[in-house]
Amino acid sequence: MQSDALTEALFMTTDSVLLQELAKLKLQGERLISRRKVEQRTGIWRRVAAGQFPRPVPFSANKSFWIEREIDAYITALIAKRDGEVAA
């Protein structure tokens, strides 16, 4: 699975290699936005603090990651709520 490989690469890479990969994405026309912008748009940290969104796993002082299955379960619950179903 591609996301597994990406997660592994993020854990094993140096910052310079990560910056090179981000530069490649930028060259491919992908729009990159900062963590601050993501936080402003989503209110994610308010949701984490309120227990409404999965907590991240701290990796270092400046990096955190989320467990994919927890995010998938969160999204599944949102879809079920939207559709008036009970999430499994």
PDB file of N, CA and C in Angstrom:
ATOM      1  N   MET A   1       0.843  -1.179   0.000  1.00  0.00           N
ATOM      2  CA  MET A   1       0.000   0.000   0.000  1.00  0.00           C
ATOM      3  C   MET A   1       0.886   1.239   0.000  1.00  0.00           C
ATOM      4  N   GLN A   2       0.552   2.207  -0.808  1.00  0.00           N
ATOM      5  CA  GLN A   2       1.387   3.395  -0.972  1.00  0.00           C
ATOM      6  C   GLN A   2       1.517   4.181   0.320  1.00  0.00           C
ATOM      7  N   SER A   3       0.434   4.338   1.085  1.00  0.00           N
ATOM      8  CA  SER A   3       0.511   5.126   2.309  1.00  0.00           C
ATOM      9  C   SER A   3       1.431   4.481   3.332  1.00  0.00           C
ATOM     10  N   ASP A   4       1.494   3.132   3.354  1.00  0.00           N
ATOM     11  CA  ASP A   4       2.415   2.453   4.263  1.00  0.00           C
ATOM     12  C   ASP A   4       3.858   2.780   3.902  1.00  0.00           C
ATOM     13  N   ALA A   5       4.155   2.772   2.615  1.00  0.00           N
ATOM     14  CA  ALA A   5       5.502   3.085   2.164  1.00  0.00           C
ATOM     15  C   ALA A   5       5.845   4.533   2.481  1.00  0.00           C
ATOM     16  N   LEU A   6       4.881   5.420   2.300  1.00  0.00           N
ATOM     17  CA  LEU A   6       5.115   6.831   2.603  1.00  0.00           C
ATOM     18  C   LEU A   6       5.355   7.030   4.088  1.00  0.00           C
ATOM     19  N   THR A   7       4.548   6.387   4.929  1.00  0.00           N
ATOM     20  CA  THR A   7       4.721   6.494   6.369  1.00  0.00           C
ATOM     21  C   THR A   7       6.095   5.992   6.783  1.00  0.00           C
ATOM     22  N   GLU A   8       6.485   4.844   6.248  1.00  0.00           N
ATOM     23  CA  GLU A   8       7.799   4.291   6.568  1.00  0.00           C
ATOM     24  C   GLU A   8       8.903   5.246   6.115  1.00  0.00           C
ATOM     25  N   ALA A   9       8.741   5.805   4.927  1.00  0.00           N
ATOM     26  CA  ALA A   9       9.749   6.734   4.413  1.00  0.00           C
ATOM     27  C   ALA A   9       9.855   7.973   5.294  1.00  0.00           C
ATOM     28  N   LEU A  10       8.717   8.463   5.776  1.00  0.00           N
ATOM     29  CA  LEU A  10       8.739   9.639   6.635  1.00  0.00           C
ATOM     30  C   LEU A  10       9.468   9.364   7.945  1.00  0.00           C
ATOM     31  N   PHE A  11       9.287   8.159   8.477  1.00  0.00           N
ATOM     32  CA  PHE A  11       9.956   7.826   9.726  1.00  0.00           C
ATOM     33  C   PHE A  11      11.451   7.632   9.536  1.00  0.00           C
ATOM     34  N   MET A  12      11.863   7.202   8.354  1.00  0.00           N
ATOM     35  CA  MET A  12      13.256   6.840   8.147  1.00  0.00           C
ATOM     36  C   MET A  12      14.052   7.920   7.421  1.00  0.00           C
ATOM     37  N   THR A  13      13.419   8.946   6.957  1.00  0.00           N
ATOM     38  CA  THR A  13      14.099   9.947   6.151  1.00  0.00           C
ATOM     39  C   THR A  13      14.675  11.062   7.008  1.00  0.00           C
ATOM     40  N   THR A  14      15.610  11.760   6.425  1.00  0.00           N
ATOM     41  CA  THR A  14      16.114  12.976   7.064  1.00  0.00           C
ATOM     42  C   THR A  14      15.284  14.140   6.562  1.00  0.00           C
ATOM     43  N   ASP A  15      15.364  15.255   7.249  1.00  0.00           N
ATOM     44  CA  ASP A  15      14.603  16.427   6.832  1.00  0.00           C
ATOM     45  C   ASP A  15      14.972  16.874   5.426  1.00  0.00           C
ATOM     46  N   SER A  16      16.242  16.780   5.051  1.00  0.00           N
ATOM     47  CA  SER A  16      16.649  17.228   3.717  1.00  0.00           C
ATOM     48  C   SER A  16      16.010  16.373   2.627  1.00  0.00           C
ATOM     49  N   VAL A  17      15.913  15.070   2.850  1.00  0.00           N
ATOM     50  CA  VAL A  17      15.276  14.191   1.871  1.00  0.00           C
ATOM     51  C   VAL A  17      13.786  14.509   1.800  1.00  0.00           C
ATOM     52  N   LEU A  18      13.174  14.755   2.935  1.00  0.00           N
ATOM     53  CA  LEU A  18      11.764  15.118   2.956  1.00  0.00           C
ATOM     54  C   LEU A  18      11.535  16.411   2.190  1.00  0.00           C
ATOM     55  N   LEU A  19      12.398  17.369   2.384  1.00  0.00           N
ATOM     56  CA  LEU A  19      12.283  18.634   1.650  1.00  0.00           C
ATOM     57  C   LEU A  19      12.435  18.419   0.147  1.00  0.00           C
ATOM     58  N   GLN A  20      13.307  17.511  -0.252  1.00  0.00           N
ATOM     59  CA  GLN A  20      13.461  17.193  -1.673  1.00  0.00           C
ATOM     60  C   GLN A  20      12.172  16.597  -2.235  1.00  0.00           C
ATOM     61  N   GLU A  21      11.534  15.702  -1.470  1.00  0.00           N
ATOM     62  CA  GLU A  21      10.285  15.090  -1.918  1.00  0.00           C
ATOM     63  C   GLU A  21       9.171  16.134  -2.013  1.00  0.00           C
ATOM     64  N   LEU A  22       9.121  17.041  -1.055  1.00  0.00           N
ATOM     65  CA  LEU A  22       8.128  18.112  -1.104  1.00  0.00           C
ATOM     66  C   LEU A  22       8.355  19.003  -2.319  1.00  0.00           C
ATOM     67  N   ALA A  23       9.612  19.264  -2.642  1.00  0.00           N
ATOM     68  CA  ALA A  23       9.933  20.074  -3.820  1.00  0.00           C
ATOM     69  C   ALA A  23       9.466  19.377  -5.094  1.00  0.00           C
ATOM     70  N   LYS A  24       9.614  18.052  -5.156  1.00  0.00           N
ATOM     71  CA  LYS A  24       9.138  17.294  -6.321  1.00  0.00           C
ATOM     72  C   LYS A  24       7.628  17.435  -6.472  1.00  0.00           C
ATOM     73  N   LEU A  25       6.892  17.340  -5.361  1.00  0.00           N
ATOM     74  CA  LEU A  25       5.443  17.513  -5.411  1.00  0.00           C
ATOM     75  C   LEU A  25       5.081  18.888  -5.939  1.00  0.00           C
ATOM     76  N   LYS A  26       5.791  19.898  -5.468  1.00  0.00           N
ATOM     77  CA  LYS A  26       5.542  21.264  -5.912  1.00  0.00           C
ATOM     78  C   LYS A  26       5.760  21.373  -7.421  1.00  0.00           C
ATOM     79  N   LEU A  27       6.817  20.747  -7.915  1.00  0.00           N
ATOM     80  CA  LEU A  27       7.106  20.780  -9.346  1.00  0.00           C
ATOM     81  C   LEU A  27       6.045  20.035 -10.157  1.00  0.00           C
ATOM     82  N   GLN A  28       5.390  19.052  -9.548  1.00  0.00           N
ATOM     83  CA  GLN A  28       4.350  18.292 -10.229  1.00  0.00           C
ATOM     84  C   GLN A  28       3.009  19.021 -10.204  1.00  0.00           C
ATOM     85  N   GLY A  29       3.010  20.240  -9.693  1.00  0.00           N
ATOM     86  CA  GLY A  29       1.788  21.034  -9.690  1.00  0.00           C
ATOM     87  C   GLY A  29       0.923  20.855  -8.459  1.00  0.00           C
ATOM     88  N   GLU A  30       1.388  20.076  -7.496  1.00  0.00           N
ATOM     89  CA  GLU A  30       0.631  19.911  -6.258  1.00  0.00           C
ATOM     90  C   GLU A  30       0.784  21.170  -5.427  1.00  0.00           C
ATOM     91  N   ARG A  31      -0.273  21.586  -4.801  1.00  0.00           N
ATOM     92  CA  ARG A  31      -0.226  22.768  -3.947  1.00  0.00           C
ATOM     93  C   ARG A  31       0.059  22.329  -2.519  1.00  0.00           C
ATOM     94  N   LEU A  32       1.075  22.886  -1.933  1.00  0.00           N
ATOM     95  CA  LEU A  32       1.451  22.562  -0.569  1.00  0.00           C
ATOM     96  C   LEU A  32       0.987  23.682   0.347  1.00  0.00           C
ATOM     97  N   ILE A  33       0.438  23.302   1.489  1.00  0.00           N
ATOM     98  CA  ILE A  33       0.051  24.307   2.471  1.00  0.00           C
ATOM     99  C   ILE A  33       0.687  23.950   3.805  1.00  0.00           C
ATOM    100  N   SER A  34       0.937  24.953   4.591  1.00  0.00           N
ATOM    101  CA  SER A  34       1.630  24.759   5.859  1.00  0.00           C
ATOM    102  C   SER A  34       0.713  24.128   6.903  1.00  0.00           C
ATOM    103  N   ARG A  35       1.337  23.582   7.934  1.00  0.00           N
ATOM    104  CA  ARG A  35       0.585  23.013   9.051  1.00  0.00           C
ATOM    105  C   ARG A  35      -0.329  24.070   9.660  1.00  0.00           C
ATOM    106  N   ARG A  36       0.170  25.284   9.770  1.00  0.00           N
ATOM    107  CA  ARG A  36      -0.628  26.364  10.350  1.00  0.00           C
ATOM    108  C   ARG A  36      -1.911  26.579   9.538  1.00  0.00           C
ATOM    109  N   LYS A  37      -1.801  26.574   8.213  1.00  0.00           N
ATOM    110  CA  LYS A  37      -2.987  26.754   7.371  1.00  0.00           C
ATOM    111  C   LYS A  37      -3.972  25.598   7.545  1.00  0.00           C
ATOM    112  N   VAL A  38      -3.442  24.380   7.631  1.00  0.00           N
ATOM    113  CA  VAL A  38      -4.308  23.221   7.846  1.00  0.00           C
ATOM    114  C   VAL A  38      -5.048  23.375   9.169  1.00  0.00           C
ATOM    115  N   GLU A  39      -4.320  23.763  10.203  1.00  0.00           N
ATOM    116  CA  GLU A  39      -4.930  23.950  11.516  1.00  0.00           C
ATOM    117  C   GLU A  39      -5.998  25.032  11.481  1.00  0.00           C
ATOM    118  N   GLN A  40      -5.721  26.116  10.771  1.00  0.00           N
ATOM    119  CA  GLN A  40      -6.694  27.207  10.677  1.00  0.00           C
ATOM    120  C   GLN A  40      -7.948  26.757   9.946  1.00  0.00           C
ATOM    121  N   ARG A  41      -7.785  25.966   8.911  1.00  0.00           N
ATOM    122  CA  ARG A  41      -8.930  25.541   8.104  1.00  0.00           C
ATOM    123  C   ARG A  41      -9.763  24.452   8.774  1.00  0.00           C
ATOM    124  N   THR A  42      -9.147  23.617   9.559  1.00  0.00           N
ATOM    125  CA  THR A  42      -9.860  22.454  10.083  1.00  0.00           C
ATOM    126  C   THR A  42     -10.215  22.542  11.557  1.00  0.00           C
ATOM    127  N   GLY A  43      -9.516  23.393  12.305  1.00  0.00           N
ATOM    128  CA  GLY A  43      -9.732  23.420  13.745  1.00  0.00           C
ATOM    129  C   GLY A  43      -9.379  22.086  14.386  1.00  0.00           C
ATOM    130  N   ILE A  44      -8.442  21.383  13.775  1.00  0.00           N
ATOM    131  CA  ILE A  44      -8.125  20.017  14.200  1.00  0.00           C
ATOM    132  C   ILE A  44      -7.689  19.938  15.662  1.00  0.00           C
ATOM    133  N   TRP A  45      -6.896  20.899  16.125  1.00  0.00           N
ATOM    134  CA  TRP A  45      -6.391  20.804  17.496  1.00  0.00           C
ATOM    135  C   TRP A  45      -7.507  21.044  18.514  1.00  0.00           C
ATOM    136  N   ARG A  46      -8.479  21.868  18.168  1.00  0.00           N
ATOM    137  CA  ARG A  46      -9.645  22.021  19.057  1.00  0.00           C
ATOM    138  C   ARG A  46     -10.409  20.699  19.148  1.00  0.00           C
ATOM    139  N   ARG A  47     -10.528  20.022  18.028  1.00  0.00           N
ATOM    140  CA  ARG A  47     -11.229  18.727  18.012  1.00  0.00           C
ATOM    141  C   ARG A  47     -10.457  17.667  18.786  1.00  0.00           C
ATOM    142  N   VAL A  48      -9.143  17.664  18.639  1.00  0.00           N
ATOM    143  CA  VAL A  48      -8.312  16.714  19.400  1.00  0.00           C
ATOM    144  C   VAL A  48      -8.488  16.973  20.888  1.00  0.00           C
ATOM    145  N   ALA A  49      -8.393  18.236  21.299  1.00  0.00           N
ATOM    146  CA  ALA A  49      -8.515  18.605  22.721  1.00  0.00           C
ATOM    147  C   ALA A  49      -9.883  18.243  23.273  1.00  0.00           C
ATOM    148  N   ALA A  50     -10.915  18.331  22.442  1.00  0.00           N
ATOM    149  CA  ALA A  50     -12.283  18.021  22.887  1.00  0.00           C
ATOM    150  C   ALA A  50     -12.592  16.534  22.788  1.00  0.00           C
ATOM    151  N   GLY A  51     -11.618  15.722  22.333  1.00  0.00           N
ATOM    152  CA  GLY A  51     -11.856  14.286  22.185  1.00  0.00           C
ATOM    153  C   GLY A  51     -12.726  13.951  20.987  1.00  0.00           C
ATOM    154  N   GLN A  52     -12.807  14.860  20.033  1.00  0.00           N
ATOM    155  CA  GLN A  52     -13.658  14.665  18.855  1.00  0.00           C
ATOM    156  C   GLN A  52     -12.873  14.212  17.624  1.00  0.00           C
ATOM    157  N   PHE A  53     -11.581  14.094  17.751  1.00  0.00           N
ATOM    158  CA  PHE A  53     -10.722  13.670  16.644  1.00  0.00           C
ATOM    159  C   PHE A  53      -9.583  12.859  17.237  1.00  0.00           C
ATOM    160  N   PRO A  54      -9.110  11.813  16.525  1.00  0.00           N
ATOM    161  CA  PRO A  54      -8.020  10.994  17.073  1.00  0.00           C
ATOM    162  C   PRO A  54      -6.790  11.818  17.428  1.00  0.00           C
ATOM    163  N   ARG A  55      -6.169  11.442  18.528  1.00  0.00           N
ATOM    164  CA  ARG A  55      -4.947  12.127  18.956  1.00  0.00           C
ATOM    165  C   ARG A  55      -3.767  11.681  18.102  1.00  0.00           C
ATOM    166  N   PRO A  56      -2.860  12.596  17.791  1.00  0.00           N
ATOM    167  CA  PRO A  56      -1.671  12.210  17.024  1.00  0.00           C
ATOM    168  C   PRO A  56      -0.668  11.478  17.913  1.00  0.00           C
ATOM    169  N   VAL A  57       0.258  10.792  17.250  1.00  0.00           N
ATOM    170  CA  VAL A  57       1.364  10.132  17.935  1.00  0.00           C
ATOM    171  C   VAL A  57       2.585  11.024  17.743  1.00  0.00           C
ATOM    172  N   PRO A  58       3.108  11.597  18.826  1.00  0.00           N
ATOM    173  CA  PRO A  58       4.282  12.471  18.669  1.00  0.00           C
ATOM    174  C   PRO A  58       5.497  11.659  18.236  1.00  0.00           C
ATOM    175  N   PHE A  59       6.206  12.169  17.250  1.00  0.00           N
ATOM    176  CA  PHE A  59       7.400  11.500  16.744  1.00  0.00           C
ATOM    177  C   PHE A  59       8.654  12.229  17.210  1.00  0.00           C
ATOM    178  N   SER A  60       8.592  13.536  17.176  1.00  0.00           N
ATOM    179  CA  SER A  60       9.688  14.376  17.666  1.00  0.00           C
ATOM    180  C   SER A  60       9.070  15.698  18.113  1.00  0.00           C
ATOM    181  N   ALA A  61       9.908  16.641  18.474  1.00  0.00           N
ATOM    182  CA  ALA A  61       9.390  17.922  18.955  1.00  0.00           C
ATOM    183  C   ALA A  61       8.545  18.637  17.911  1.00  0.00           C
ATOM    184  N   ASN A  62       8.849  18.423  16.638  1.00  0.00           N
ATOM    185  CA  ASN A  62       8.156  19.148  15.578  1.00  0.00           C
ATOM    186  C   ASN A  62       7.325  18.272  14.646  1.00  0.00           C
ATOM    187  N   LYS A  63       7.241  16.975  14.916  1.00  0.00           N
ATOM    188  CA  LYS A  63       6.529  16.088  14.000  1.00  0.00           C
ATOM    189  C   LYS A  63       5.589  15.167  14.766  1.00  0.00           C
ATOM    190  N   SER A  64       4.405  15.014  14.215  1.00  0.00           N
ATOM    191  CA  SER A  64       3.422  14.084  14.751  1.00  0.00           C
ATOM    192  C   SER A  64       2.800  13.331  13.592  1.00  0.00           C
ATOM    193  N   PHE A  65       2.325  12.145  13.868  1.00  0.00           N
ATOM    194  CA  PHE A  65       1.656  11.328  12.871  1.00  0.00           C
ATOM    195  C   PHE A  65       0.381  10.771  13.470  1.00  0.00           C
ATOM    196  N   TRP A  66      -0.567  10.416  12.612  1.00  0.00           N
ATOM    197  CA  TRP A  66      -1.797   9.786  13.056  1.00  0.00           C
ATOM    198  C   TRP A  66      -1.804   8.338  12.598  1.00  0.00           C
ATOM    199  N   ILE A  67      -2.501   7.503  13.347  1.00  0.00           N
ATOM    200  CA  ILE A  67      -2.657   6.106  12.975  1.00  0.00           C
ATOM    201  C   ILE A  67      -3.771   6.036  11.934  1.00  0.00           C
ATOM    202  N   GLU A  68      -3.436   5.491  10.778  1.00  0.00           N
ATOM    203  CA  GLU A  68      -4.349   5.504   9.637  1.00  0.00           C
ATOM    204  C   GLU A  68      -5.698   4.869   9.954  1.00  0.00           C
ATOM    205  N   ARG A  69      -5.694   3.738  10.664  1.00  0.00           N
ATOM    206  CA  ARG A  69      -6.979   3.075  10.941  1.00  0.00           C
ATOM    207  C   ARG A  69      -7.868   3.919  11.844  1.00  0.00           C
ATOM    208  N   GLU A  70      -7.267   4.746  12.715  1.00  0.00           N
ATOM    209  CA  GLU A  70      -8.065   5.641  13.554  1.00  0.00           C
ATOM    210  C   GLU A  70      -8.702   6.755  12.725  1.00  0.00           C
ATOM    211  N   ILE A  71      -7.954   7.266  11.754  1.00  0.00           N
ATOM    212  CA  ILE A  71      -8.498   8.293  10.868  1.00  0.00           C
ATOM    213  C   ILE A  71      -9.577   7.689   9.985  1.00  0.00           C
ATOM    214  N   ASP A  72      -9.338   6.475   9.480  1.00  0.00           N
ATOM    215  CA  ASP A  72     -10.343   5.790   8.662  1.00  0.00           C
ATOM    216  C   ASP A  72     -11.632   5.566   9.453  1.00  0.00           C
ATOM    217  N   ALA A  73     -11.498   5.161  10.722  1.00  0.00           N
ATOM    218  CA  ALA A  73     -12.679   4.938  11.567  1.00  0.00           C
ATOM    219  C   ALA A  73     -13.419   6.251  11.809  1.00  0.00           C
ATOM    220  N   TYR A  74     -12.688   7.320  12.005  1.00  0.00           N
ATOM    221  CA  TYR A  74     -13.289   8.643  12.198  1.00  0.00           C
ATOM    222  C   TYR A  74     -14.099   9.045  10.962  1.00  0.00           C
ATOM    223  N   ILE A  75     -13.500   8.860   9.794  1.00  0.00           N
ATOM    224  CA  ILE A  75     -14.179   9.208   8.547  1.00  0.00           C
ATOM    225  C   ILE A  75     -15.409   8.325   8.335  1.00  0.00           C
ATOM    226  N   THR A  76     -15.286   7.037   8.610  1.00  0.00           N
ATOM    227  CA  THR A  76     -16.416   6.120   8.479  1.00  0.00           C
ATOM    228  C   THR A  76     -17.568   6.542   9.379  1.00  0.00           C
ATOM    229  N   ALA A  77     -17.247   6.969  10.602  1.00  0.00           N
ATOM    230  CA  ALA A  77     -18.285   7.428  11.535  1.00  0.00           C
ATOM    231  C   ALA A  77     -18.955   8.704  11.021  1.00  0.00           C
ATOM    232  N   LEU A  78     -18.186   9.609  10.438  1.00  0.00           N
ATOM    233  CA  LEU A  78     -18.770  10.832   9.876  1.00  0.00           C
ATOM    234  C   LEU A  78     -19.725  10.511   8.724  1.00  0.00           C
ATOM    235  N   ILE A  79     -19.326   9.584   7.875  1.00  0.00           N
ATOM    236  CA  ILE A  79     -20.173   9.196   6.746  1.00  0.00           C
ATOM    237  C   ILE A  79     -21.451   8.536   7.256  1.00  0.00           C
ATOM    238  N   ALA A  80     -21.311   7.653   8.248  1.00  0.00           N
ATOM    239  CA  ALA A  80     -22.481   6.980   8.820  1.00  0.00           C
ATOM    240  C   ALA A  80     -23.425   7.989   9.451  1.00  0.00           C
ATOM    241  N   LYS A  81     -22.870   8.966  10.161  1.00  0.00           N
ATOM    242  CA  LYS A  81     -23.700  10.002  10.776  1.00  0.00           C
ATOM    243  C   LYS A  81     -24.434  10.809   9.700  1.00  0.00           C
ATOM    244  N   ARG A  82     -23.716  11.159   8.628  1.00  0.00           N
ATOM    245  CA  ARG A  82     -24.324  11.889   7.532  1.00  0.00           C
ATOM    246  C   ARG A  82     -25.471  11.099   6.911  1.00  0.00           C
ATOM    247  N   ASP A  83     -25.271   9.800   6.782  1.00  0.00           N
ATOM    248  CA  ASP A  83     -26.260   8.950   6.131  1.00  0.00           C
ATOM    249  C   ASP A  83     -27.308   8.412   7.091  1.00  0.00           C
ATOM    250  N   GLY A  84     -27.235   8.831   8.364  1.00  0.00           N
ATOM    251  CA  GLY A  84     -28.211   8.403   9.353  1.00  0.00           C
ATOM    252  C   GLY A  84     -28.055   6.959   9.784  1.00  0.00           C
ATOM    253  N   GLU A  85     -26.843   6.429   9.680  1.00  0.00           N
ATOM    254  CA  GLU A  85     -26.577   5.040  10.056  1.00  0.00           C
ATOM    255  C   GLU A  85     -25.796   5.013  11.367  1.00  0.00           C
ATOM    256  N   VAL A  86     -25.759   3.841  11.975  1.00  0.00           N
ATOM    257  CA  VAL A  86     -24.947   3.639  13.167  1.00  0.00           C
ATOM    258  C   VAL A  86     -23.622   3.079  12.720  1.00  0.00           C
ATOM    259  N   ALA A  87     -22.509   3.734  13.099  1.00  0.00           N
ATOM    260  CA  ALA A  87     -21.180   3.269  12.704  1.00  0.00           C
ATOM    261  C   ALA A  87     -20.864   1.963  13.389  1.00  0.00           C
ATOM    262  N   ALA A  88     -20.181   1.079  12.660  1.00  0.00           N
ATOM    263  CA  ALA A  88     -19.807  -0.235  13.216  1.00  0.00           C
ATOM    264  C   ALA A  88     -18.605  -0.114  14.097  1.00  0.00           C
TER     265      ALA A  88
END
